[in-house]
Structure formats: C-alpha cells, structure tokens
Amino acid sequence: MGIIRFGSRVKGYSHESSDEDILVITRSKGGEVIYKEGKHILVVSLQDFIEEVLKASPLVSAVLSGYEIIYAKYPVYFWIERASEMLRRAGSIHVDKGGVRDFA
C-alpha cells in the first residue's frame, strides 16, 4: 500500500555510516522491524499507521519531518495528508540531529 523513505538521507544531513530509513505500510501485516544491508525498514499495517496518525506519535512526526513517497495507494496518501494537517494545527515541532522542523 505504501513505501516511504524518511530520515537523514532524505533530509540531506546523512553521513557515510547513516542507514536508510524506510516505512512500509501494508494492508494487514505489520509490527516488524528489519535491519538489512544499511537499511532500517519499519513494516506497519495501515490500521497501525492510522492509529499512529491519530495519536500524532513520534513515528509520524519523524517521518513527516522529511520524507519521500516511493509508492502509495489512495488510503496512504489520505492519511499522510491528514497527519500533516494535524501536526500543523497542533503547532508541532520535530527535533533531531539535523535540526528543528516546525510544522506550523
């Protein structure tokens, strides 16, 4: 249903040893974290992703602070837009090694 790159490589402050962060949103299977050949892959179900969006969780904040959609079908686009809007309305910020992202 969706594949999203996020993290330092997308935001432009990666270094040689940085891994590539990838979020995979599936129709039903999820709850898996895979480390493979310099990739950090989080696999979540659409339902779990929706719950994270509604909680405005740190995962959603981390992904939306700098991301690239590689592939996504309808519901994934809808929930990414909804999450972005919720973070903007809440005046949320995300802080990481690359700096501060103000969603407002």
PDB file of N, CA and C in Angstrom:
ATOM      1  N   MET A   1       0.808  -1.199   0.000  1.00  0.00           N
ATOM      2  CA  MET A   1       0.000   0.000   0.000  1.00  0.00           C
ATOM      3  C   MET A   1       0.850   1.262   0.000  1.00  0.00           C
ATOM      4  N   GLY A   2       2.032   1.222   0.685  1.00  0.00           N
ATOM      5  CA  GLY A   2       2.858   2.413   0.684  1.00  0.00           C
ATOM      6  C   GLY A   2       4.298   2.137   1.080  1.00  0.00           C
ATOM      7  N   ILE A   3       5.220   2.838   0.430  1.00  0.00           N
ATOM      8  CA  ILE A   3       6.637   2.776   0.770  1.00  0.00           C
ATOM      9  C   ILE A   3       7.131   4.212   0.857  1.00  0.00           C
ATOM     10  N   ILE A   4       7.667   4.587   2.012  1.00  0.00           N
ATOM     11  CA  ILE A   4       8.078   5.968   2.264  1.00  0.00           C
ATOM     12  C   ILE A   4       9.501   5.982   2.810  1.00  0.00           C
ATOM     13  N   ARG A   5      10.375   6.740   2.169  1.00  0.00           N
ATOM     14  CA  ARG A   5      11.733   6.965   2.681  1.00  0.00           C
ATOM     15  C   ARG A   5      11.689   8.185   3.591  1.00  0.00           C
ATOM     16  N   PHE A   6      12.430   8.122   4.697  1.00  0.00           N
ATOM     17  CA  PHE A   6      12.491   9.273   5.594  1.00  0.00           C
ATOM     18  C   PHE A   6      13.828   9.262   6.306  1.00  0.00           C
ATOM     19  N   GLY A   7      14.089  10.254   7.107  1.00  0.00           N
ATOM     20  CA  GLY A   7      15.320  10.284   7.891  1.00  0.00           C
ATOM     21  C   GLY A   7      16.406  11.137   7.270  1.00  0.00           C
ATOM     22  N   SER A   8      17.605  10.960   7.771  1.00  0.00           N
ATOM     23  CA  SER A   8      18.722  11.843   7.420  1.00  0.00           C
ATOM     24  C   SER A   8      19.079  11.815   5.937  1.00  0.00           C
ATOM     25  N   ARG A   9      18.951  10.687   5.284  1.00  0.00           N
ATOM     26  CA  ARG A   9      19.284  10.636   3.850  1.00  0.00           C
ATOM     27  C   ARG A   9      18.328  11.485   3.021  1.00  0.00           C
ATOM     28  N   VAL A  10      17.076  11.504   3.384  1.00  0.00           N
ATOM     29  CA  VAL A  10      16.091  12.324   2.661  1.00  0.00           C
ATOM     30  C   VAL A  10      16.245  13.791   3.035  1.00  0.00           C
ATOM     31  N   LYS A  11      16.546  14.053   4.307  1.00  0.00           N
ATOM     32  CA  LYS A  11      16.654  15.435   4.781  1.00  0.00           C
ATOM     33  C   LYS A  11      17.962  16.103   4.371  1.00  0.00           C
ATOM     34  N   GLY A  12      18.945  15.292   3.938  1.00  0.00           N
ATOM     35  CA  GLY A  12      20.178  15.863   3.431  1.00  0.00           C
ATOM     36  C   GLY A  12      21.297  16.051   4.434  1.00  0.00           C
ATOM     37  N   TYR A  13      21.226  15.426   5.583  1.00  0.00           N
ATOM     38  CA  TYR A  13      22.324  15.554   6.543  1.00  0.00           C
ATOM     39  C   TYR A  13      22.897  14.192   6.937  1.00  0.00           C
ATOM     40  N   SER A  14      22.820  13.239   6.040  1.00  0.00           N
ATOM     41  CA  SER A  14      23.365  11.917   6.333  1.00  0.00           C
ATOM     42  C   SER A  14      24.890  11.942   6.243  1.00  0.00           C
ATOM     43  N   HIS A  15      25.485  10.928   6.809  1.00  0.00           N
ATOM     44  CA  HIS A  15      26.934  10.759   6.697  1.00  0.00           C
ATOM     45  C   HIS A  15      27.179   9.342   6.183  1.00  0.00           C
ATOM     46  N   GLU A  16      28.414   9.005   5.986  1.00  0.00           N
ATOM     47  CA  GLU A  16      28.765   7.731   5.356  1.00  0.00           C
ATOM     48  C   GLU A  16      28.139   6.514   6.043  1.00  0.00           C
ATOM     49  N   SER A  17      28.047   6.538   7.355  1.00  0.00           N
ATOM     50  CA  SER A  17      27.523   5.371   8.078  1.00  0.00           C
ATOM     51  C   SER A  17      26.011   5.445   8.345  1.00  0.00           C
ATOM     52  N   SER A  18      25.333   6.459   7.827  1.00  0.00           N
ATOM     53  CA  SER A  18      23.888   6.579   8.043  1.00  0.00           C
ATOM     54  C   SER A  18      23.148   5.441   7.346  1.00  0.00           C
ATOM     55  N   ASP A  19      22.160   4.906   8.036  1.00  0.00           N
ATOM     56  CA  ASP A  19      21.330   3.906   7.381  1.00  0.00           C
ATOM     57  C   ASP A  19      20.214   4.602   6.615  1.00  0.00           C
ATOM     58  N   GLU A  20      19.524   3.856   5.794  1.00  0.00           N
ATOM     59  CA  GLU A  20      18.392   4.397   5.055  1.00  0.00           C
ATOM     60  C   GLU A  20      17.129   3.964   5.781  1.00  0.00           C
ATOM     61  N   ASP A  21      16.275   4.925   6.139  1.00  0.00           N
ATOM     62  CA  ASP A  21      15.044   4.643   6.873  1.00  0.00           C
ATOM     63  C   ASP A  21      13.885   4.512   5.893  1.00  0.00           C
ATOM     64  N   ILE A  22      13.174   3.393   5.998  1.00  0.00           N
ATOM     65  CA  ILE A  22      12.067   3.122   5.089  1.00  0.00           C
ATOM     66  C   ILE A  22      10.866   2.661   5.895  1.00  0.00           C
ATOM     67  N   LEU A  23       9.712   3.254   5.624  1.00  0.00           N
ATOM     68  CA  LEU A  23       8.452   2.838   6.239  1.00  0.00           C
ATOM     69  C   LEU A  23       7.645   2.114   5.174  1.00  0.00           C
ATOM     70  N   VAL A  24       7.250   0.874   5.463  1.00  0.00           N
ATOM     71  CA  VAL A  24       6.420   0.094   4.559  1.00  0.00           C
ATOM     72  C   VAL A  24       5.059  -0.068   5.219  1.00  0.00           C
ATOM     73  N   ILE A  25       4.016   0.396   4.542  1.00  0.00           N
ATOM     74  CA  ILE A  25       2.653   0.295   5.070  1.00  0.00           C
ATOM     75  C   ILE A  25       1.933  -0.786   4.268  1.00  0.00           C
ATOM     76  N   THR A  26       1.471  -1.805   4.985  1.00  0.00           N
ATOM     77  CA  THR A  26       0.825  -2.948   4.337  1.00  0.00           C
ATOM     78  C   THR A  26      -0.674  -2.955   4.638  1.00  0.00           C
ATOM     79  N   ARG A  27      -1.386  -3.740   3.875  1.00  0.00           N
ATOM     80  CA  ARG A  27      -2.834  -3.834   4.078  1.00  0.00           C
ATOM     81  C   ARG A  27      -3.164  -4.473   5.424  1.00  0.00           C
ATOM     82  N   SER A  28      -2.440  -5.514   5.821  1.00  0.00           N
ATOM     83  CA  SER A  28      -2.812  -6.186   7.063  1.00  0.00           C
ATOM     84  C   SER A  28      -1.645  -6.584   7.959  1.00  0.00           C
ATOM     85  N   LYS A  29      -0.515  -6.984   7.399  1.00  0.00           N
ATOM     86  CA  LYS A  29       0.601  -7.464   8.220  1.00  0.00           C
ATOM     87  C   LYS A  29       1.476  -6.301   8.656  1.00  0.00           C
ATOM     88  N   GLY A  30       1.948  -6.346   9.893  1.00  0.00           N
ATOM     89  CA  GLY A  30       2.813  -5.272  10.355  1.00  0.00           C
ATOM     90  C   GLY A  30       3.514  -5.643  11.643  1.00  0.00           C
ATOM     91  N   GLY A  31       4.132  -4.643  12.250  1.00  0.00           N
ATOM     92  CA  GLY A  31       4.797  -4.848  13.524  1.00  0.00           C
ATOM     93  C   GLY A  31       6.177  -5.454  13.409  1.00  0.00           C
ATOM     94  N   GLU A  32       6.838  -5.202  12.281  1.00  0.00           N
ATOM     95  CA  GLU A  32       8.147  -5.801  12.057  1.00  0.00           C
ATOM     96  C   GLU A  32       9.183  -4.707  11.808  1.00  0.00           C
ATOM     97  N   VAL A  33      10.374  -4.906  12.345  1.00  0.00           N
ATOM     98  CA  VAL A  33      11.494  -4.006  12.087  1.00  0.00           C
ATOM     99  C   VAL A  33      12.609  -4.853  11.486  1.00  0.00           C
ATOM    100  N   ILE A  34      13.112  -4.438  10.334  1.00  0.00           N
ATOM    101  CA  ILE A  34      14.136  -5.205   9.624  1.00  0.00           C
ATOM    102  C   ILE A  34      15.369  -4.327   9.443  1.00  0.00           C
ATOM    103  N   TYR A  35      16.519  -4.843   9.812  1.00  0.00           N
ATOM    104  CA  TYR A  35      17.797  -4.182   9.544  1.00  0.00           C
ATOM    105  C   TYR A  35      18.509  -5.044   8.524  1.00  0.00           C
ATOM    106  N   LYS A  36      18.758  -4.475   7.350  1.00  0.00           N
ATOM    107  CA  LYS A  36      19.381  -5.272   6.305  1.00  0.00           C
ATOM    108  C   LYS A  36      20.220  -4.388   5.402  1.00  0.00           C
ATOM    109  N   GLU A  37      21.493  -4.681   5.309  1.00  0.00           N
ATOM    110  CA  GLU A  37      22.400  -4.022   4.375  1.00  0.00           C
ATOM    111  C   GLU A  37      22.253  -2.496   4.376  1.00  0.00           C
ATOM    112  N   GLY A  38      22.375  -1.892   5.564  1.00  0.00           N
ATOM    113  CA  GLY A  38      22.310  -0.440   5.660  1.00  0.00           C
ATOM    114  C   GLY A  38      20.914   0.149   5.566  1.00  0.00           C
ATOM    115  N   LYS A  39      19.911  -0.694   5.666  1.00  0.00           N
ATOM    116  CA  LYS A  39      18.528  -0.222   5.617  1.00  0.00           C
ATOM    117  C   LYS A  39      17.828  -0.545   6.932  1.00  0.00           C
ATOM    118  N   HIS A  40      17.053   0.390   7.410  1.00  0.00           N
ATOM    119  CA  HIS A  40      16.237   0.246   8.613  1.00  0.00           C
ATOM    120  C   HIS A  40      14.799   0.303   8.107  1.00  0.00           C
ATOM    121  N   ILE A  41      14.142  -0.846   8.050  1.00  0.00           N
ATOM    122  CA  ILE A  41      12.813  -0.942   7.441  1.00  0.00           C
ATOM    123  C   ILE A  41      11.782  -1.212   8.525  1.00  0.00           C
ATOM    124  N   LEU A  42      10.821  -0.307   8.642  1.00  0.00           N
ATOM    125  CA  LEU A  42       9.709  -0.478   9.582  1.00  0.00           C
ATOM    126  C   LEU A  42       8.502  -0.923   8.774  1.00  0.00           C
ATOM    127  N   VAL A  43       7.900  -2.034   9.167  1.00  0.00           N
ATOM    128  CA  VAL A  43       6.724  -2.542   8.482  1.00  0.00           C
ATOM    129  C   VAL A  43       5.533  -2.398   9.426  1.00  0.00           C
ATOM    130  N   VAL A  44       4.532  -1.635   9.006  1.00  0.00           N
ATOM    131  CA  VAL A  44       3.328  -1.435   9.818  1.00  0.00           C
ATOM    132  C   VAL A  44       2.091  -1.657   8.958  1.00  0.00           C
ATOM    133  N   SER A  45       1.038  -2.097   9.603  1.00  0.00           N
ATOM    134  CA  SER A  45      -0.225  -2.245   8.883  1.00  0.00           C
ATOM    135  C   SER A  45      -0.858  -0.867   8.704  1.00  0.00           C
ATOM    136  N   LEU A  46      -1.759  -0.752   7.750  1.00  0.00           N
ATOM    137  CA  LEU A  46      -2.469   0.516   7.542  1.00  0.00           C
ATOM    138  C   LEU A  46      -3.208   0.907   8.817  1.00  0.00           C
ATOM    139  N   GLN A  47      -3.827  -0.058   9.483  1.00  0.00           N
ATOM    140  CA  GLN A  47      -4.557   0.237  10.720  1.00  0.00           C
ATOM    141  C   GLN A  47      -3.629   0.803  11.787  1.00  0.00           C
ATOM    142  N   ASP A  48      -2.448   0.202  11.939  1.00  0.00           N
ATOM    143  CA  ASP A  48      -1.483   0.716  12.919  1.00  0.00           C
ATOM    144  C   ASP A  48      -1.004   2.112  12.534  1.00  0.00           C
ATOM    145  N   PHE A  49      -0.791   2.343  11.239  1.00  0.00           N
ATOM    146  CA  PHE A  49      -0.371   3.667  10.779  1.00  0.00           C
ATOM    147  C   PHE A  49      -1.443   4.711  11.081  1.00  0.00           C
ATOM    148  N   ILE A  50      -2.694   4.369  10.835  1.00  0.00           N
ATOM    149  CA  ILE A  50      -3.801   5.285  11.134  1.00  0.00           C
ATOM    150  C   ILE A  50      -3.829   5.606  12.628  1.00  0.00           C
ATOM    151  N   GLU A  51      -3.648   4.595  13.474  1.00  0.00           N
ATOM    152  CA  GLU A  51      -3.630   4.829  14.922  1.00  0.00           C
ATOM    153  C   GLU A  51      -2.478   5.750  15.312  1.00  0.00           C
ATOM    154  N   GLU A  52      -1.312   5.574  14.688  1.00  0.00           N
ATOM    155  CA  GLU A  52      -0.169   6.454  14.960  1.00  0.00           C
ATOM    156  C   GLU A  52      -0.467   7.886  14.518  1.00  0.00           C
ATOM    157  N   VAL A  53      -1.139   8.040  13.384  1.00  0.00           N
ATOM    158  CA  VAL A  53      -1.518   9.374  12.904  1.00  0.00           C
ATOM    159  C   VAL A  53      -2.459  10.036  13.901  1.00  0.00           C
ATOM    160  N   LEU A  54      -3.474   9.318  14.341  1.00  0.00           N
ATOM    161  CA  LEU A  54      -4.468   9.890  15.251  1.00  0.00           C
ATOM    162  C   LEU A  54      -3.859  10.265  16.602  1.00  0.00           C
ATOM    163  N   LYS A  55      -2.776   9.584  17.002  1.00  0.00           N
ATOM    164  CA  LYS A  55      -2.079   9.916  18.247  1.00  0.00           C
ATOM    165  C   LYS A  55      -1.025  10.998  18.023  1.00  0.00           C
ATOM    166  N   ALA A  56      -0.779  11.355  16.752  1.00  0.00           N
ATOM    167  CA  ALA A  56       0.326  12.270  16.406  1.00  0.00           C
ATOM    168  C   ALA A  56       1.613  11.774  17.064  1.00  0.00           C
ATOM    169  N   SER A  57       1.909  10.517  16.849  1.00  0.00           N
ATOM    170  CA  SER A  57       3.033   9.852  17.517  1.00  0.00           C
ATOM    171  C   SER A  57       4.388  10.363  17.031  1.00  0.00           C
ATOM    172  N   PRO A  58       5.440  10.097  17.806  1.00  0.00           N
ATOM    173  CA  PRO A  58       6.791  10.467  17.376  1.00  0.00           C
ATOM    174  C   PRO A  58       7.189   9.826  16.042  1.00  0.00           C
ATOM    175  N   LEU A  59       6.691   8.623  15.767  1.00  0.00           N
ATOM    176  CA  LEU A  59       6.973   7.988  14.476  1.00  0.00           C
ATOM    177  C   LEU A  59       6.451   8.841  13.331  1.00  0.00           C
ATOM    178  N   VAL A  60       5.212   9.284  13.448  1.00  0.00           N
ATOM    179  CA  VAL A  60       4.609  10.113  12.396  1.00  0.00           C
ATOM    180  C   VAL A  60       5.367  11.425  12.261  1.00  0.00           C
ATOM    181  N   SER A  61       5.711  12.034  13.371  1.00  0.00           N
ATOM    182  CA  SER A  61       6.475  13.278  13.352  1.00  0.00           C
ATOM    183  C   SER A  61       7.826  13.073  12.669  1.00  0.00           C
ATOM    184  N   ALA A  62       8.508  11.974  12.987  1.00  0.00           N
ATOM    185  CA  ALA A  62       9.817  11.689  12.389  1.00  0.00           C
ATOM    186  C   ALA A  62       9.695  11.489  10.878  1.00  0.00           C
ATOM    187  N   VAL A  63       8.693  10.748  10.462  1.00  0.00           N
ATOM    188  CA  VAL A  63       8.506  10.500   9.028  1.00  0.00           C
ATOM    189  C   VAL A  63       8.171  11.796   8.301  1.00  0.00           C
ATOM    190  N   LEU A  64       7.235  12.565   8.831  1.00  0.00           N
ATOM    191  CA  LEU A  64       6.770  13.758   8.124  1.00  0.00           C
ATOM    192  C   LEU A  64       7.721  14.943   8.226  1.00  0.00           C
ATOM    193  N   SER A  65       8.753  14.841   9.058  1.00  0.00           N
ATOM    194  CA  SER A  65       9.711  15.944   9.142  1.00  0.00           C
ATOM    195  C   SER A  65      10.633  15.971   7.921  1.00  0.00           C
ATOM    196  N   GLY A  66      10.575  14.946   7.106  1.00  0.00           N
ATOM    197  CA  GLY A  66      11.341  14.889   5.875  1.00  0.00           C
ATOM    198  C   GLY A  66      11.154  13.527   5.243  1.00  0.00           C
ATOM    199  N   TYR A  67      10.395  13.451   4.153  1.00  0.00           N
ATOM    200  CA  TYR A  67      10.081  12.150   3.568  1.00  0.00           C
ATOM    201  C   TYR A  67       9.982  12.233   2.053  1.00  0.00           C
ATOM    202  N   GLU A  68      10.021  11.055   1.445  1.00  0.00           N
ATOM    203  CA  GLU A  68       9.832  10.904   0.008  1.00  0.00           C
ATOM    204  C   GLU A  68       8.929   9.693  -0.189  1.00  0.00           C
ATOM    205  N   ILE A  69       7.802   9.894  -0.849  1.00  0.00           N
ATOM    206  CA  ILE A  69       6.912   8.771  -1.123  1.00  0.00           C
ATOM    207  C   ILE A  69       7.443   8.048  -2.356  1.00  0.00           C
ATOM    208  N   ILE A  70       7.783   6.785  -2.168  1.00  0.00           N
ATOM    209  CA  ILE A  70       8.258   5.967  -3.290  1.00  0.00           C
ATOM    210  C   ILE A  70       7.072   5.324  -3.996  1.00  0.00           C
ATOM    211  N   TYR A  71       6.112   4.874  -3.214  1.00  0.00           N
ATOM    212  CA  TYR A  71       4.907   4.251  -3.759  1.00  0.00           C
ATOM    213  C   TYR A  71       3.811   4.397  -2.724  1.00  0.00           C
ATOM    214  N   ALA A  72       2.608   4.736  -3.166  1.00  0.00           N
ATOM    215  CA  ALA A  72       1.472   4.789  -2.241  1.00  0.00           C
ATOM    216  C   ALA A  72       0.167   4.711  -3.007  1.00  0.00           C
ATOM    217  N   LYS A  73      -0.766   3.967  -2.454  1.00  0.00           N
ATOM    218  CA  LYS A  73      -2.130   3.914  -2.969  1.00  0.00           C
ATOM    219  C   LYS A  73      -2.996   4.862  -2.154  1.00  0.00           C
ATOM    220  N   TYR A  74      -4.232   5.059  -2.580  1.00  0.00           N
ATOM    221  CA  TYR A  74      -5.141   6.054  -2.016  1.00  0.00           C
ATOM    222  C   TYR A  74      -5.137   6.199  -0.493  1.00  0.00           C
ATOM    223  N   PRO A  75      -5.435   5.172   0.282  1.00  0.00           N
ATOM    224  CA  PRO A  75      -5.584   5.478   1.715  1.00  0.00           C
ATOM    225  C   PRO A  75      -4.304   6.017   2.349  1.00  0.00           C
ATOM    226  N   VAL A  76      -3.159   5.599   1.855  1.00  0.00           N
ATOM    227  CA  VAL A  76      -1.903   6.065   2.430  1.00  0.00           C
ATOM    228  C   VAL A  76      -1.740   7.561   2.184  1.00  0.00           C
ATOM    229  N   TYR A  77      -1.985   8.016   0.954  1.00  0.00           N
ATOM    230  CA  TYR A  77      -1.911   9.459   0.663  1.00  0.00           C
ATOM    231  C   TYR A  77      -2.842  10.245   1.575  1.00  0.00           C
ATOM    232  N   PHE A  78      -4.067   9.774   1.731  1.00  0.00           N
ATOM    233  CA  PHE A  78      -5.056  10.449   2.561  1.00  0.00           C
ATOM    234  C   PHE A  78      -4.543  10.616   3.992  1.00  0.00           C
ATOM    235  N   TRP A  79      -3.994   9.534   4.586  1.00  0.00           N
ATOM    236  CA  TRP A  79      -3.561   9.598   5.982  1.00  0.00           C
ATOM    237  C   TRP A  79      -2.284  10.399   6.159  1.00  0.00           C
ATOM    238  N   ILE A  80      -1.423  10.440   5.150  1.00  0.00           N
ATOM    239  CA  ILE A  80      -0.241  11.300   5.232  1.00  0.00           C
ATOM    240  C   ILE A  80      -0.669  12.759   5.236  1.00  0.00           C
ATOM    241  N   GLU A  81      -1.595  13.119   4.357  1.00  0.00           N
ATOM    242  CA  GLU A  81      -2.106  14.494   4.332  1.00  0.00           C
ATOM    243  C   GLU A  81      -2.810  14.845   5.636  1.00  0.00           C
ATOM    244  N   ARG A  82      -3.596  13.920   6.145  1.00  0.00           N
ATOM    245  CA  ARG A  82      -4.303  14.171   7.412  1.00  0.00           C
ATOM    246  C   ARG A  82      -3.304  14.369   8.555  1.00  0.00           C
ATOM    247  N   ALA A  83      -2.276  13.537   8.605  1.00  0.00           N
ATOM    248  CA  ALA A  83      -1.260  13.671   9.650  1.00  0.00           C
ATOM    249  C   ALA A  83      -0.531  15.004   9.542  1.00  0.00           C
ATOM    250  N   SER A  84      -0.177  15.407   8.330  1.00  0.00           N
ATOM    251  CA  SER A  84       0.497  16.694   8.124  1.00  0.00           C
ATOM    252  C   SER A  84      -0.372  17.838   8.627  1.00  0.00           C
ATOM    253  N   GLU A  85      -1.647  17.787   8.300  1.00  0.00           N
ATOM    254  CA  GLU A  85      -2.573  18.832   8.734  1.00  0.00           C
ATOM    255  C   GLU A  85      -2.709  18.849  10.259  1.00  0.00           C
ATOM    256  N   MET A  86      -2.803  17.681  10.879  1.00  0.00           N
ATOM    257  CA  MET A  86      -2.927  17.615  12.341  1.00  0.00           C
ATOM    258  C   MET A  86      -1.686  18.192  13.014  1.00  0.00           C
ATOM    259  N   LEU A  87      -0.498  17.881  12.488  1.00  0.00           N
ATOM    260  CA  LEU A  87       0.732  18.412  13.069  1.00  0.00           C
ATOM    261  C   LEU A  87       0.809  19.930  12.890  1.00  0.00           C
ATOM    262  N   ARG A  88       0.348  20.432  11.742  1.00  0.00           N
ATOM    263  CA  ARG A  88       0.326  21.888  11.519  1.00  0.00           C
ATOM    264  C   ARG A  88      -0.614  22.571  12.507  1.00  0.00           C
ATOM    265  N   ARG A  89      -1.819  22.036  12.646  1.00  0.00           N
ATOM    266  CA  ARG A  89      -2.803  22.640  13.558  1.00  0.00           C
ATOM    267  C   ARG A  89      -2.322  22.647  15.000  1.00  0.00           C
ATOM    268  N   ALA A  90      -1.611  21.593  15.386  1.00  0.00           N
ATOM    269  CA  ALA A  90      -1.129  21.494  16.764  1.00  0.00           C
ATOM    270  C   ALA A  90       0.119  22.338  16.992  1.00  0.00           C
ATOM    271  N   GLY A  91       0.679  22.878  15.918  1.00  0.00           N
ATOM    272  CA  GLY A  91       1.902  23.659  16.052  1.00  0.00           C
ATOM    273  C   GLY A  91       3.081  22.800  16.481  1.00  0.00           C
ATOM    274  N   SER A  92       3.062  21.546  16.066  1.00  0.00           N
ATOM    275  CA  SER A  92       4.091  20.589  16.476  1.00  0.00           C
ATOM    276  C   SER A  92       5.449  20.933  15.885  1.00  0.00           C
ATOM    277  N   ILE A  93       6.469  20.480  16.583  1.00  0.00           N
ATOM    278  CA  ILE A  93       7.834  20.565  16.068  1.00  0.00           C
ATOM    279  C   ILE A  93       8.470  19.194  16.195  1.00  0.00           C
ATOM    280  N   HIS A  94       9.481  18.949  15.374  1.00  0.00           N
ATOM    281  CA  HIS A  94      10.237  17.709  15.444  1.00  0.00           C
ATOM    282  C   HIS A  94      11.705  18.085  15.546  1.00  0.00           C
ATOM    283  N   VAL A  95      12.383  17.537  16.535  1.00  0.00           N
ATOM    284  CA  VAL A  95      13.791  17.854  16.754  1.00  0.00           C
ATOM    285  C   VAL A  95      14.602  16.576  16.547  1.00  0.00           C
ATOM    286  N   ASP A  96      15.643  16.677  15.717  1.00  0.00           N
ATOM    287  CA  ASP A  96      16.572  15.560  15.557  1.00  0.00           C
ATOM    288  C   ASP A  96      17.956  16.118  15.265  1.00  0.00           C
ATOM    289  N   LYS A  97      18.892  15.249  14.924  1.00  0.00           N
ATOM    290  CA  LYS A  97      20.276  15.684  14.703  1.00  0.00           C
ATOM    291  C   LYS A  97      20.392  16.736  13.603  1.00  0.00           C
ATOM    292  N   GLY A  98      19.457  16.757  12.687  1.00  0.00           N
ATOM    293  CA  GLY A  98      19.513  17.691  11.575  1.00  0.00           C
ATOM    294  C   GLY A  98      18.946  19.058  11.900  1.00  0.00           C
ATOM    295  N   GLY A  99      18.328  19.205  13.046  1.00  0.00           N
ATOM    296  CA  GLY A  99      17.763  20.479  13.420  1.00  0.00           C
ATOM    297  C   GLY A  99      16.336  20.369  13.878  1.00  0.00           C
ATOM    298  N   VAL A 100      15.602  21.442  13.715  1.00  0.00           N
ATOM    299  CA  VAL A 100      14.216  21.523  14.174  1.00  0.00           C
ATOM    300  C   VAL A 100      13.309  21.721  12.977  1.00  0.00           C
ATOM    301  N   ARG A 101      12.224  20.948  12.901  1.00  0.00           N
ATOM    302  CA  ARG A 101      11.224  21.116  11.855  1.00  0.00           C
ATOM    303  C   ARG A 101       9.966  21.615  12.520  1.00  0.00           C
ATOM    304  N   ASP A 102       9.528  22.806  12.139  1.00  0.00           N
ATOM    305  CA  ASP A 102       8.311  23.407  12.672  1.00  0.00           C
ATOM    306  C   ASP A 102       7.191  23.119  11.680  1.00  0.00           C
ATOM    307  N   PHE A 103       6.168  22.392  12.092  1.00  0.00           N
ATOM    308  CA  PHE A 103       5.073  22.039  11.200  1.00  0.00           C
ATOM    309  C   PHE A 103       4.051  23.155  11.026  1.00  0.00           C
ATOM    310  N   ALA A 104       4.121  24.182  11.887  1.00  0.00           N
ATOM    311  CA  ALA A 104       3.117  25.257  11.852  1.00  0.00           C
ATOM    312  C   ALA A 104       3.197  26.082  10.582  1.00  0.00           C
TER     313      ALA A 104
END
